[in-house]
Amino acid sequence: MKKKILLLHGWDWRKYPKFVPLHQWENRQKFMDLLGEQFVIEFPTIPGFSSTSPVEESWGLGDYSDWLGEVLSKSNYDAILGQSFGGAIAAHWVYETKSLLPLILISPAIVRDYKAPKVYTHTKLSKLLPAFCRDFVRNVFLRFVIRNHNHIHGSSFLRKTYRRIVGVDLSEELRDILSRRTATWIIFGKNDTATPPSLLFARLPEAEDVSIVIQNAGHNILGEKPEEIVQLISKLLK
């Protein structure tokens, strides 16, 4: 019998509802086809990325963790595979629930790197502002100053949610997961500039022991190296 994997997609503004994507994995279709030959795969759309959004103004990682728990309660899975933001959701859920469900993190958004100096400046200045006006300033900054596409093209729900989750650092939560010896593997592209492996290893050296870094690949490693990644997953889950 084939093992069943739950796949959680990343945060990609090109897949926002306004652009009517076929599905969240459509630009990684070869990876999906190859993985589906060896495993039973299910890939729900993360709330906010479908035609309807939650009734709340925004969600934090805790809300996504609760949603993931509901999804997992409906069937039995042998592993969770989380890509980028999906990896952050999966890791946070495992941390909160102390689950031992095997975890495969692909280019996970555990810690993020920002190259634009303005972002660092904004982060420092925002701490000086009264709490009630920080969200407004972040909105203006992301939309009109650095013109962040994740923010510009998002619905009200996605914009507010993005501002809540974009700066979250989950390295300590991942440390806890690894200390419990939960079966965890992390796969990075060597040239990933969004979630560079070197940044995570600097924060959490023990993560290097469970990581595989693929040469000549970036953040979209599933689109760039589908055959290699599927082979790795097959070996890891045997």
C-alpha atoms as a PDB file:
ATOM      1  CA  MET A   1       0.000   0.000   0.000  1.00  0.00           C
ATOM      2  CA  LYS A   2       1.287   3.453  -0.897  1.00  0.00           C
ATOM      3  CA  LYS A   3       2.076   5.841   1.914  1.00  0.00           C
ATOM      4  CA  LYS A   4       0.014   9.018   2.087  1.00  0.00           C
ATOM      5  CA  ILE A   5       1.611  12.471   2.235  1.00  0.00           C
ATOM      6  CA  LEU A   6      -0.127  15.753   3.000  1.00  0.00           C
ATOM      7  CA  LEU A   7       1.408  18.599   0.975  1.00  0.00           C
ATOM      8  CA  LEU A   8       1.294  22.220   2.115  1.00  0.00           C
ATOM      9  CA  HIS A   9       2.122  24.818  -0.526  1.00  0.00           C
ATOM     10  CA  GLY A  10       4.046  28.035  -0.055  1.00  0.00           C
ATOM     11  CA  TRP A  11       3.110  31.715  -0.186  1.00  0.00           C
ATOM     12  CA  ASP A  12       3.214  32.818  -3.833  1.00  0.00           C
ATOM     13  CA  TRP A  13       1.509  36.026  -4.937  1.00  0.00           C
ATOM     14  CA  ARG A  14       1.217  34.621  -8.475  1.00  0.00           C
ATOM     15  CA  LYS A  15      -1.231  32.065  -7.048  1.00  0.00           C
ATOM     16  CA  TYR A  16      -3.543  34.564  -5.389  1.00  0.00           C
ATOM     17  CA  PRO A  17      -7.265  34.055  -6.141  1.00  0.00           C
ATOM     18  CA  LYS A  18      -7.331  37.161  -8.378  1.00  0.00           C
ATOM     19  CA  PHE A  19      -5.061  35.361 -10.854  1.00  0.00           C
ATOM     20  CA  VAL A  20      -7.295  32.234 -10.919  1.00  0.00           C
ATOM     21  CA  PRO A  21      -4.549  29.581 -10.761  1.00  0.00           C
ATOM     22  CA  LEU A  22      -5.313  25.985 -11.732  1.00  0.00           C
ATOM     23  CA  HIS A  23      -3.979  24.936  -8.342  1.00  0.00           C
ATOM     24  CA  GLN A  24      -1.232  26.034  -5.979  1.00  0.00           C
ATOM     25  CA  TRP A  25       1.254  23.475  -7.309  1.00  0.00           C
ATOM     26  CA  GLU A  26       0.728  24.062 -11.024  1.00  0.00           C
ATOM     27  CA  ASN A  27       4.227  25.441 -11.609  1.00  0.00           C
ATOM     28  CA  ARG A  28       5.619  22.279  -9.993  1.00  0.00           C
ATOM     29  CA  GLN A  29       3.444  19.827 -11.903  1.00  0.00           C
ATOM     30  CA  LYS A  30       6.281  17.470 -12.805  1.00  0.00           C
ATOM     31  CA  PHE A  31       7.164  17.112  -9.145  1.00  0.00           C
ATOM     32  CA  MET A  32       3.514  16.384  -8.347  1.00  0.00           C
ATOM     33  CA  ASP A  33       3.226  13.794 -11.112  1.00  0.00           C
ATOM     34  CA  LEU A  34       6.396  11.985 -10.061  1.00  0.00           C
ATOM     35  CA  LEU A  35       5.513  12.070  -6.365  1.00  0.00           C
ATOM     36  CA  GLY A  36       2.004  10.837  -7.137  1.00  0.00           C
ATOM     37  CA  GLU A  37       3.443   7.766  -8.844  1.00  0.00           C
ATOM     38  CA  GLN A  38       5.008   6.601  -5.584  1.00  0.00           C
ATOM     39  CA  PHE A  39       2.703   8.033  -2.909  1.00  0.00           C
ATOM     40  CA  VAL A  40      -0.889   8.978  -2.314  1.00  0.00           C
ATOM     41  CA  ILE A  41      -0.789  12.765  -2.159  1.00  0.00           C
ATOM     42  CA  GLU A  42      -3.314  15.295  -0.940  1.00  0.00           C
ATOM     43  CA  PHE A  43      -2.749  19.013  -1.357  1.00  0.00           C
ATOM     44  CA  PRO A  44      -5.391  21.272   0.216  1.00  0.00           C
ATOM     45  CA  THR A  45      -5.383  24.979  -0.508  1.00  0.00           C
ATOM     46  CA  ILE A  46      -4.230  27.008   2.470  1.00  0.00           C
ATOM     47  CA  PRO A  47      -6.993  29.383   3.697  1.00  0.00           C
ATOM     48  CA  GLY A  48      -6.852  32.756   1.994  1.00  0.00           C
ATOM     49  CA  PHE A  49      -5.572  31.345  -1.283  1.00  0.00           C
ATOM     50  CA  SER A  50      -8.924  30.022  -2.491  1.00  0.00           C
ATOM     51  CA  SER A  51     -11.879  32.046  -3.780  1.00  0.00           C
ATOM     52  CA  THR A  52     -13.117  32.515  -0.216  1.00  0.00           C
ATOM     53  CA  SER A  53     -11.225  33.755   2.835  1.00  0.00           C
ATOM     54  CA  PRO A  54     -11.779  33.130   6.551  1.00  0.00           C
ATOM     55  CA  VAL A  55     -14.229  35.491   8.221  1.00  0.00           C
ATOM     56  CA  GLU A  56     -11.500  36.871  10.488  1.00  0.00           C
ATOM     57  CA  GLU A  57      -9.536  39.951   9.394  1.00  0.00           C
ATOM     58  CA  SER A  58      -6.276  38.019   9.460  1.00  0.00           C
ATOM     59  CA  TRP A  59      -4.662  34.833  10.674  1.00  0.00           C
ATOM     60  CA  GLY A  60      -1.465  34.101  12.550  1.00  0.00           C
ATOM     61  CA  LEU A  61       0.533  30.881  12.535  1.00  0.00           C
ATOM     62  CA  GLY A  62      -1.573  29.570  15.394  1.00  0.00           C
ATOM     63  CA  ASP A  63      -4.703  29.847  13.255  1.00  0.00           C
ATOM     64  CA  TYR A  64      -3.029  27.987  10.401  1.00  0.00           C
ATOM     65  CA  SER A  65      -1.863  25.358  12.864  1.00  0.00           C
ATOM     66  CA  ASP A  66      -5.456  24.866  14.042  1.00  0.00           C
ATOM     67  CA  TRP A  67      -6.605  24.543  10.425  1.00  0.00           C
ATOM     68  CA  LEU A  68      -3.889  21.965   9.739  1.00  0.00           C
ATOM     69  CA  GLY A  69      -4.990  19.986  12.779  1.00  0.00           C
ATOM     70  CA  GLU A  70      -8.520  19.839  11.378  1.00  0.00           C
ATOM     71  CA  VAL A  71      -7.235  18.633   7.994  1.00  0.00           C
ATOM     72  CA  LEU A  72      -5.100  15.930   9.611  1.00  0.00           C
ATOM     73  CA  SER A  73      -7.984  14.729  11.763  1.00  0.00           C
ATOM     74  CA  LYS A  74      -9.962  13.714   8.664  1.00  0.00           C
ATOM     75  CA  SER A  75      -7.546  11.064   7.428  1.00  0.00           C
ATOM     76  CA  ASN A  76      -4.418   9.117   8.307  1.00  0.00           C
ATOM     77  CA  TYR A  77      -1.168  10.425   6.866  1.00  0.00           C
ATOM     78  CA  ASP A  78       2.328   9.004   6.912  1.00  0.00           C
ATOM     79  CA  ALA A  79       4.104  12.355   6.580  1.00  0.00           C
ATOM     80  CA  ILE A  80       3.636  16.087   6.063  1.00  0.00           C
ATOM     81  CA  LEU A  81       5.569  17.875   3.335  1.00  0.00           C
ATOM     82  CA  GLY A  82       5.637  21.633   3.711  1.00  0.00           C
ATOM     83  CA  GLN A  83       7.120  23.937   1.095  1.00  0.00           C
ATOM     84  CA  SER A  84       8.251  27.433   2.157  1.00  0.00           C
ATOM     85  CA  PHE A  85       5.342  28.947   4.145  1.00  0.00           C
ATOM     86  CA  GLY A  86       3.731  25.513   4.197  1.00  0.00           C
ATOM     87  CA  GLY A  87       6.861  24.316   5.987  1.00  0.00           C
ATOM     88  CA  ALA A  88       6.389  27.003   8.618  1.00  0.00           C
ATOM     89  CA  ILE A  89       2.790  25.895   9.204  1.00  0.00           C
ATOM     90  CA  ALA A  90       3.793  22.230   9.452  1.00  0.00           C
ATOM     91  CA  ALA A  91       6.674  22.914  11.831  1.00  0.00           C
ATOM     92  CA  HIS A  92       4.534  25.122  14.058  1.00  0.00           C
ATOM     93  CA  TRP A  93       1.820  22.464  14.234  1.00  0.00           C
ATOM     94  CA  VAL A  94       4.331  19.738  15.147  1.00  0.00           C
ATOM     95  CA  TYR A  95       5.853  22.026  17.781  1.00  0.00           C
ATOM     96  CA  GLU A  96       2.475  22.875  19.325  1.00  0.00           C
ATOM     97  CA  THR A  97       1.032  19.366  19.309  1.00  0.00           C
ATOM     98  CA  LYS A  98       4.262  17.464  20.045  1.00  0.00           C
ATOM     99  CA  SER A  99       3.314  15.193  17.159  1.00  0.00           C
ATOM    100  CA  LEU A 100       5.734  12.512  15.955  1.00  0.00           C
ATOM    101  CA  LEU A 101       4.388  12.585  12.403  1.00  0.00           C
ATOM    102  CA  PRO A 102       7.383  12.638   9.994  1.00  0.00           C
ATOM    103  CA  LEU A 103       8.096  16.091   8.666  1.00  0.00           C
ATOM    104  CA  ILE A 104       9.684  16.972   5.307  1.00  0.00           C
ATOM    105  CA  LEU A 105      10.471  20.677   4.981  1.00  0.00           C
ATOM    106  CA  ILE A 106      11.293  22.028   1.517  1.00  0.00           C
ATOM    107  CA  SER A 107      12.914  25.496   1.491  1.00  0.00           C
ATOM    108  CA  PRO A 108      11.046  26.151   4.746  1.00  0.00           C
ATOM    109  CA  ALA A 109      10.269  29.667   5.932  1.00  0.00           C
ATOM    110  CA  ILE A 110      11.678  29.009   9.399  1.00  0.00           C
ATOM    111  CA  VAL A 111      13.815  32.142   9.172  1.00  0.00           C
ATOM    112  CA  ARG A 112      13.827  34.526   6.240  1.00  0.00           C
ATOM    113  CA  ASP A 113      16.445  36.792   4.720  1.00  0.00           C
ATOM    114  CA  TYR A 114      15.737  40.291   3.448  1.00  0.00           C
ATOM    115  CA  LYS A 115      18.285  41.925   1.216  1.00  0.00           C
ATOM    116  CA  ALA A 116      16.689  45.374   1.069  1.00  0.00           C
ATOM    117  CA  PRO A 117      18.280  47.662   3.717  1.00  0.00           C
ATOM    118  CA  LYS A 118      14.973  49.548   3.912  1.00  0.00           C
ATOM    119  CA  VAL A 119      13.334  46.537   5.503  1.00  0.00           C
ATOM    120  CA  TYR A 120      15.861  46.512   8.314  1.00  0.00           C
ATOM    121  CA  THR A 121      15.401  50.243   8.793  1.00  0.00           C
ATOM    122  CA  HIS A 122      11.629  49.851   8.834  1.00  0.00           C
ATOM    123  CA  THR A 123      11.810  47.056  11.383  1.00  0.00           C
ATOM    124  CA  LYS A 124      13.908  49.162  13.737  1.00  0.00           C
ATOM    125  CA  LEU A 125      11.804  52.284  13.319  1.00  0.00           C
ATOM    126  CA  SER A 126       8.521  50.421  13.770  1.00  0.00           C
ATOM    127  CA  LYS A 127       9.552  49.496  17.320  1.00  0.00           C
ATOM    128  CA  LEU A 128       9.544  53.190  18.179  1.00  0.00           C
ATOM    129  CA  LEU A 129       5.966  53.691  17.012  1.00  0.00           C
ATOM    130  CA  PRO A 130       2.864  53.332  19.200  1.00  0.00           C
ATOM    131  CA  ALA A 131       1.334  49.876  18.805  1.00  0.00           C
ATOM    132  CA  PHE A 132      -1.937  51.217  17.348  1.00  0.00           C
ATOM    133  CA  CYS A 133      -0.234  52.728  14.271  1.00  0.00           C
ATOM    134  CA  ARG A 134       2.388  50.065  13.491  1.00  0.00           C
ATOM    135  CA  ASP A 135       0.106  48.032  11.236  1.00  0.00           C
ATOM    136  CA  PHE A 136      -0.836  51.122   9.227  1.00  0.00           C
ATOM    137  CA  VAL A 137       2.807  52.066   8.759  1.00  0.00           C
ATOM    138  CA  ARG A 138       3.732  48.499   7.726  1.00  0.00           C
ATOM    139  CA  ASN A 139       0.912  48.546   5.194  1.00  0.00           C
ATOM    140  CA  VAL A 140       2.117  51.808   3.619  1.00  0.00           C
ATOM    141  CA  PHE A 141       5.740  50.692   3.706  1.00  0.00           C
ATOM    142  CA  LEU A 142       5.185  47.297   2.074  1.00  0.00           C
ATOM    143  CA  ARG A 143       2.730  48.586  -0.506  1.00  0.00           C
ATOM    144  CA  PHE A 144       4.206  51.897  -1.603  1.00  0.00           C
ATOM    145  CA  VAL A 145       7.865  52.006  -0.535  1.00  0.00           C
ATOM    146  CA  ILE A 146       9.330  48.575  -1.284  1.00  0.00           C
ATOM    147  CA  ARG A 147       6.327  47.510  -3.420  1.00  0.00           C
ATOM    148  CA  ASN A 148       6.223  43.968  -2.097  1.00  0.00           C
ATOM    149  CA  HIS A 149       4.222  41.869  -4.592  1.00  0.00           C
ATOM    150  CA  ASN A 150       3.014  39.503  -1.862  1.00  0.00           C
ATOM    151  CA  HIS A 151       1.416  42.536  -0.286  1.00  0.00           C
ATOM    152  CA  ILE A 152       0.336  44.600  -3.281  1.00  0.00           C
ATOM    153  CA  HIS A 153      -1.694  41.889  -4.979  1.00  0.00           C
ATOM    154  CA  GLY A 154      -3.222  40.339  -1.877  1.00  0.00           C
ATOM    155  CA  SER A 155      -6.761  40.580  -0.601  1.00  0.00           C
ATOM    156  CA  SER A 156      -7.312  42.477   2.639  1.00  0.00           C
ATOM    157  CA  PHE A 157      -7.087  39.161   4.482  1.00  0.00           C
ATOM    158  CA  LEU A 158      -3.817  38.161   2.806  1.00  0.00           C
ATOM    159  CA  ARG A 159      -2.216  41.567   3.298  1.00  0.00           C
ATOM    160  CA  LYS A 160      -2.999  41.638   7.008  1.00  0.00           C
ATOM    161  CA  THR A 161      -2.016  38.007   7.444  1.00  0.00           C
ATOM    162  CA  TYR A 162       1.252  38.564   5.581  1.00  0.00           C
ATOM    163  CA  ARG A 163       2.160  41.405   7.917  1.00  0.00           C
ATOM    164  CA  ARG A 164       1.543  39.106  10.903  1.00  0.00           C
ATOM    165  CA  ILE A 165       3.593  36.131   9.732  1.00  0.00           C
ATOM    166  CA  VAL A 166       6.394  37.528   7.574  1.00  0.00           C
ATOM    167  CA  GLY A 167       8.783  38.316  10.421  1.00  0.00           C
ATOM    168  CA  VAL A 168       8.164  35.229  12.567  1.00  0.00           C
ATOM    169  CA  ASP A 169      11.312  33.285  13.497  1.00  0.00           C
ATOM    170  CA  LEU A 170      10.643  29.603  14.164  1.00  0.00           C
ATOM    171  CA  SER A 171      14.217  28.509  14.775  1.00  0.00           C
ATOM    172  CA  GLU A 172      13.621  27.863  18.484  1.00  0.00           C
ATOM    173  CA  GLU A 173      10.508  25.842  17.722  1.00  0.00           C
ATOM    174  CA  LEU A 174      12.483  23.761  15.242  1.00  0.00           C
ATOM    175  CA  ARG A 175      15.163  23.283  17.910  1.00  0.00           C
ATOM    176  CA  ASP A 176      12.518  21.814  20.185  1.00  0.00           C
ATOM    177  CA  ILE A 177      11.242  19.520  17.418  1.00  0.00           C
ATOM    178  CA  LEU A 178      14.741  18.217  16.718  1.00  0.00           C
ATOM    179  CA  SER A 179      15.435  17.709  20.415  1.00  0.00           C
ATOM    180  CA  ARG A 180      12.422  15.381  20.581  1.00  0.00           C
ATOM    181  CA  ARG A 181      13.898  13.381  17.695  1.00  0.00           C
ATOM    182  CA  THR A 182      10.777  13.739  15.585  1.00  0.00           C
ATOM    183  CA  ALA A 183      11.616  12.349  12.134  1.00  0.00           C
ATOM    184  CA  THR A 184      12.474  15.599  10.355  1.00  0.00           C
ATOM    185  CA  TRP A 185      14.270  16.282   7.093  1.00  0.00           C
ATOM    186  CA  ILE A 186      14.996  19.650   5.514  1.00  0.00           C
ATOM    187  CA  ILE A 187      15.801  20.071   1.832  1.00  0.00           C
ATOM    188  CA  PHE A 188      17.271  23.340   0.573  1.00  0.00           C
ATOM    189  CA  GLY A 189      18.593  24.711  -2.684  1.00  0.00           C
ATOM    190  CA  LYS A 190      22.161  25.942  -2.316  1.00  0.00           C
ATOM    191  CA  ASN A 191      21.261  29.219  -4.078  1.00  0.00           C
ATOM    192  CA  ASP A 192      18.092  29.920  -2.091  1.00  0.00           C
ATOM    193  CA  THR A 193      18.076  33.640  -1.256  1.00  0.00           C
ATOM    194  CA  ALA A 194      14.605  33.778   0.325  1.00  0.00           C
ATOM    195  CA  THR A 195      15.234  31.152   3.017  1.00  0.00           C
ATOM    196  CA  PRO A 196      18.990  30.512   2.727  1.00  0.00           C
ATOM    197  CA  PRO A 197      20.248  27.368   4.470  1.00  0.00           C
ATOM    198  CA  SER A 198      23.252  29.259   5.840  1.00  0.00           C
ATOM    199  CA  LEU A 199      20.952  31.580   7.788  1.00  0.00           C
ATOM    200  CA  LEU A 200      19.157  28.699   9.477  1.00  0.00           C
ATOM    201  CA  PHE A 201      22.404  26.856  10.212  1.00  0.00           C
ATOM    202  CA  ALA A 202      23.837  30.012  11.829  1.00  0.00           C
ATOM    203  CA  ARG A 203      20.806  30.230  14.128  1.00  0.00           C
ATOM    204  CA  LEU A 204      20.424  26.492  14.635  1.00  0.00           C
ATOM    205  CA  PRO A 205      23.590  24.446  13.942  1.00  0.00           C
ATOM    206  CA  GLU A 206      21.849  21.143  14.709  1.00  0.00           C
ATOM    207  CA  ALA A 207      19.542  21.697  11.724  1.00  0.00           C
ATOM    208  CA  GLU A 208      22.497  20.982   9.459  1.00  0.00           C
ATOM    209  CA  ASP A 209      22.476  17.361  10.656  1.00  0.00           C
ATOM    210  CA  VAL A 210      18.992  16.764   9.206  1.00  0.00           C
ATOM    211  CA  SER A 211      19.394  18.927   6.098  1.00  0.00           C
ATOM    212  CA  ILE A 212      20.192  18.125   2.489  1.00  0.00           C
ATOM    213  CA  VAL A 213      21.450  21.014   0.375  1.00  0.00           C
ATOM    214  CA  ILE A 214      21.037  20.594  -3.376  1.00  0.00           C
ATOM    215  CA  GLN A 215      23.566  22.295  -5.648  1.00  0.00           C
ATOM    216  CA  ASN A 216      22.465  24.550  -8.523  1.00  0.00           C
ATOM    217  CA  ALA A 217      18.991  25.106  -7.116  1.00  0.00           C
ATOM    218  CA  GLY A 218      17.203  28.007  -5.472  1.00  0.00           C
ATOM    219  CA  HIS A 219      14.012  28.553  -3.489  1.00  0.00           C
ATOM    220  CA  ASN A 220      11.885  26.876  -6.168  1.00  0.00           C
ATOM    221  CA  ILE A 221      13.788  23.629  -5.824  1.00  0.00           C
ATOM    222  CA  LEU A 222      10.678  21.534  -6.502  1.00  0.00           C
ATOM    223  CA  GLY A 223      10.368  23.116  -9.916  1.00  0.00           C
ATOM    224  CA  GLU A 224      14.082  23.000 -10.641  1.00  0.00           C
ATOM    225  CA  LYS A 225      14.988  19.506  -9.396  1.00  0.00           C
ATOM    226  CA  PRO A 226      11.756  17.447  -9.299  1.00  0.00           C
ATOM    227  CA  GLU A 227      13.313  14.051 -10.059  1.00  0.00           C
ATOM    228  CA  GLU A 228      16.059  14.448  -7.469  1.00  0.00           C
ATOM    229  CA  ILE A 229      13.677  15.607  -4.752  1.00  0.00           C
ATOM    230  CA  VAL A 230      11.203  12.787  -5.345  1.00  0.00           C
ATOM    231  CA  GLN A 231      14.027  10.242  -5.179  1.00  0.00           C
ATOM    232  CA  LEU A 232      15.137  11.746  -1.874  1.00  0.00           C
ATOM    233  CA  ILE A 233      11.625  11.673  -0.431  1.00  0.00           C
ATOM    234  CA  SER A 234      11.223   8.058  -1.469  1.00  0.00           C
ATOM    235  CA  LYS A 235      14.430   7.101   0.326  1.00  0.00           C
ATOM    236  CA  LEU A 236      13.607   9.118   3.436  1.00  0.00           C
ATOM    237  CA  LEU A 237      10.169   7.591   3.905  1.00  0.00           C
ATOM    238  CA  LYS A 238      11.190   3.969   3.395  1.00  0.00           C
END
